[in-house]
Amino acid sequence: MTNSATAIRGANERITQEVTSWPGVEAGTGRRGEFGFRLGKREIGHLHGDHAMHAGFPKEVWHELYEQGRIDYHPVFPGKPGFAARTIEDEGDVQDVIALLRLNYDRAVARHGLPEEPAE
């Protein structure tokens, strides 16, 4: 096993710990086995184990991130801007996945606010 492979072990747990610390974020397994992060009814992105993150972005944002080399096309939607994939291979990728999810979180909060807490 290479150092790179060792560096990503536990990436899912580290990303989940950070992202679920943000107000209003809930996490759980989806219908297709992905581990998703939701803010209310909106998914801000999801993980496939320790090796990949998928998320949707507005096309303008997607193109900017793609040109920066931070994302690639989603494997289910090849050649279709808006749906993104990010491979997780090292610690830098873990940190950038967190930053990409934060980008979607901040956009959702700015547009829709935080979800309301259920009354107790």
Protein backbone atom coordinates (compact mmCIF):
# COMPACT_ATOMS: atom_id res chain seq x y z
CA MET A 1 0.00 0.00 0.00
CA THR A 2 1.34 3.43 -0.93
CA ASN A 3 1.42 6.44 1.35
CA SER A 4 -1.33 7.97 -0.79
CA ALA A 5 -3.63 5.03 -0.12
CA THR A 6 -2.86 5.22 3.59
CA ALA A 7 -3.59 8.97 3.64
CA ILE A 8 -7.17 8.48 2.42
CA ARG A 9 -8.11 5.77 4.89
CA GLY A 10 -10.90 7.24 6.98
CA ALA A 11 -11.55 10.10 4.55
CA ASN A 12 -15.30 9.46 4.74
CA GLU A 13 -15.27 9.70 8.53
CA ARG A 14 -13.15 12.88 8.58
CA ILE A 15 -15.29 14.57 5.93
CA THR A 16 -18.50 13.49 7.69
CA GLN A 17 -17.29 14.78 11.06
CA GLU A 18 -16.58 18.22 9.60
CA VAL A 19 -19.64 18.57 7.36
CA THR A 20 -22.14 17.38 10.00
CA SER A 21 -20.76 20.02 12.40
CA TRP A 22 -22.32 22.71 10.20
CA PRO A 23 -25.73 23.94 11.40
CA GLY A 24 -28.65 22.11 9.78
CA VAL A 25 -26.64 19.38 8.01
CA GLU A 26 -27.84 15.81 8.28
CA ALA A 27 -26.08 12.78 6.81
CA GLY A 28 -27.13 9.27 5.89
CA THR A 29 -27.11 6.49 3.36
CA GLY A 30 -29.14 7.04 0.21
CA ARG A 31 -31.09 4.68 -2.04
CA ARG A 32 -28.06 3.82 -4.17
CA GLY A 33 -25.66 3.20 -1.29
CA GLU A 34 -24.13 6.68 -1.40
CA PHE A 35 -23.55 8.56 1.85
CA GLY A 36 -25.23 11.95 1.39
CA PHE A 37 -25.21 15.30 3.15
CA ARG A 38 -28.47 17.22 3.24
CA LEU A 39 -29.47 20.69 4.32
CA GLY A 40 -33.20 20.34 4.75
CA LYS A 41 -34.45 18.77 1.52
CA ARG A 42 -31.37 19.77 -0.49
CA GLU A 43 -28.44 17.45 -1.00
CA ILE A 44 -25.17 19.37 -0.92
CA GLY A 45 -23.18 16.33 -2.07
CA HIS A 46 -22.47 12.69 -1.33
CA LEU A 47 -19.56 10.31 -0.85
CA HIS A 48 -18.79 6.89 -2.22
CA GLY A 49 -16.65 5.38 0.50
CA ASP A 50 -13.26 6.98 0.99
CA HIS A 51 -12.59 7.42 -2.72
CA ALA A 52 -15.08 9.84 -4.38
CA MET A 53 -17.41 12.78 -3.85
CA HIS A 54 -20.29 13.69 -6.18
CA ALA A 55 -22.19 16.96 -6.13
CA GLY A 56 -24.18 19.28 -8.34
CA PHE A 57 -23.24 22.89 -9.04
CA PRO A 58 -24.76 25.68 -11.14
CA LYS A 59 -23.16 25.47 -14.60
CA GLU A 60 -21.20 28.71 -14.19
CA VAL A 61 -19.72 27.50 -10.89
CA TRP A 62 -19.15 24.01 -12.35
CA HIS A 63 -17.15 25.43 -15.28
CA GLU A 64 -15.00 27.52 -12.94
CA LEU A 65 -14.26 24.53 -10.68
CA TYR A 66 -13.59 22.31 -13.71
CA GLU A 67 -11.14 24.83 -15.19
CA GLN A 68 -9.34 24.93 -11.82
CA GLY A 69 -8.97 21.14 -11.97
CA ARG A 70 -10.96 20.68 -8.76
CA ILE A 71 -13.76 18.55 -10.28
CA ASP A 72 -14.47 16.33 -13.25
CA TYR A 73 -17.62 15.09 -14.95
CA HIS A 74 -19.92 12.85 -12.92
CA PRO A 75 -19.58 9.27 -14.26
CA VAL A 76 -23.36 8.90 -14.69
CA PHE A 77 -23.54 12.17 -16.66
CA PRO A 78 -20.37 12.23 -18.81
CA GLY A 79 -20.00 15.44 -20.77
CA LYS A 80 -22.82 17.14 -18.86
CA PRO A 81 -21.69 20.22 -16.90
CA GLY A 82 -23.41 20.71 -13.56
CA PHE A 83 -22.89 17.25 -12.13
CA ALA A 84 -19.42 16.84 -10.63
CA ALA A 85 -17.10 14.14 -9.37
CA ARG A 86 -14.01 14.53 -7.23
CA THR A 87 -11.61 11.67 -6.59
CA ILE A 88 -10.16 11.43 -3.08
CA GLU A 89 -6.54 10.27 -3.23
CA ASP A 90 -4.69 12.26 -0.57
CA GLU A 91 -5.12 14.69 2.32
CA GLY A 92 -5.33 17.66 -0.04
CA ASP A 93 -8.30 16.01 -1.74
CA VAL A 94 -10.00 15.47 1.63
CA GLN A 95 -9.64 19.18 2.43
CA ASP A 96 -10.86 20.25 -1.02
CA VAL A 97 -13.88 17.93 -0.83
CA ILE A 98 -14.78 19.64 2.46
CA ALA A 99 -14.33 23.03 0.74
CA LEU A 100 -16.52 21.97 -2.21
CA LEU A 101 -19.25 20.75 0.11
CA ARG A 102 -18.95 24.01 2.06
CA LEU A 103 -19.39 25.93 -1.18
CA ASN A 104 -22.70 24.15 -1.78
CA TYR A 105 -23.70 24.57 1.87
CA ASP A 106 -23.03 28.31 1.83
CA ARG A 107 -24.93 28.71 -1.46
CA ALA A 108 -27.94 26.82 -0.05
CA VAL A 109 -27.97 28.80 3.20
CA ALA A 110 -27.67 32.12 1.33
CA ARG A 111 -30.53 31.19 -0.98
CA HIS A 112 -32.88 29.28 1.33
CA GLY A 113 -31.67 29.87 4.91
CA LEU A 114 -31.25 27.15 7.48
CA PRO A 115 -34.01 24.55 7.76
CA GLU A 116 -36.41 25.18 10.59
CA GLU A 117 -35.96 23.08 13.70
CA PRO A 118 -38.97 20.90 14.48
CA ALA A 119 -40.95 22.17 17.47
CA GLU A 120 -40.53 20.09 20.59
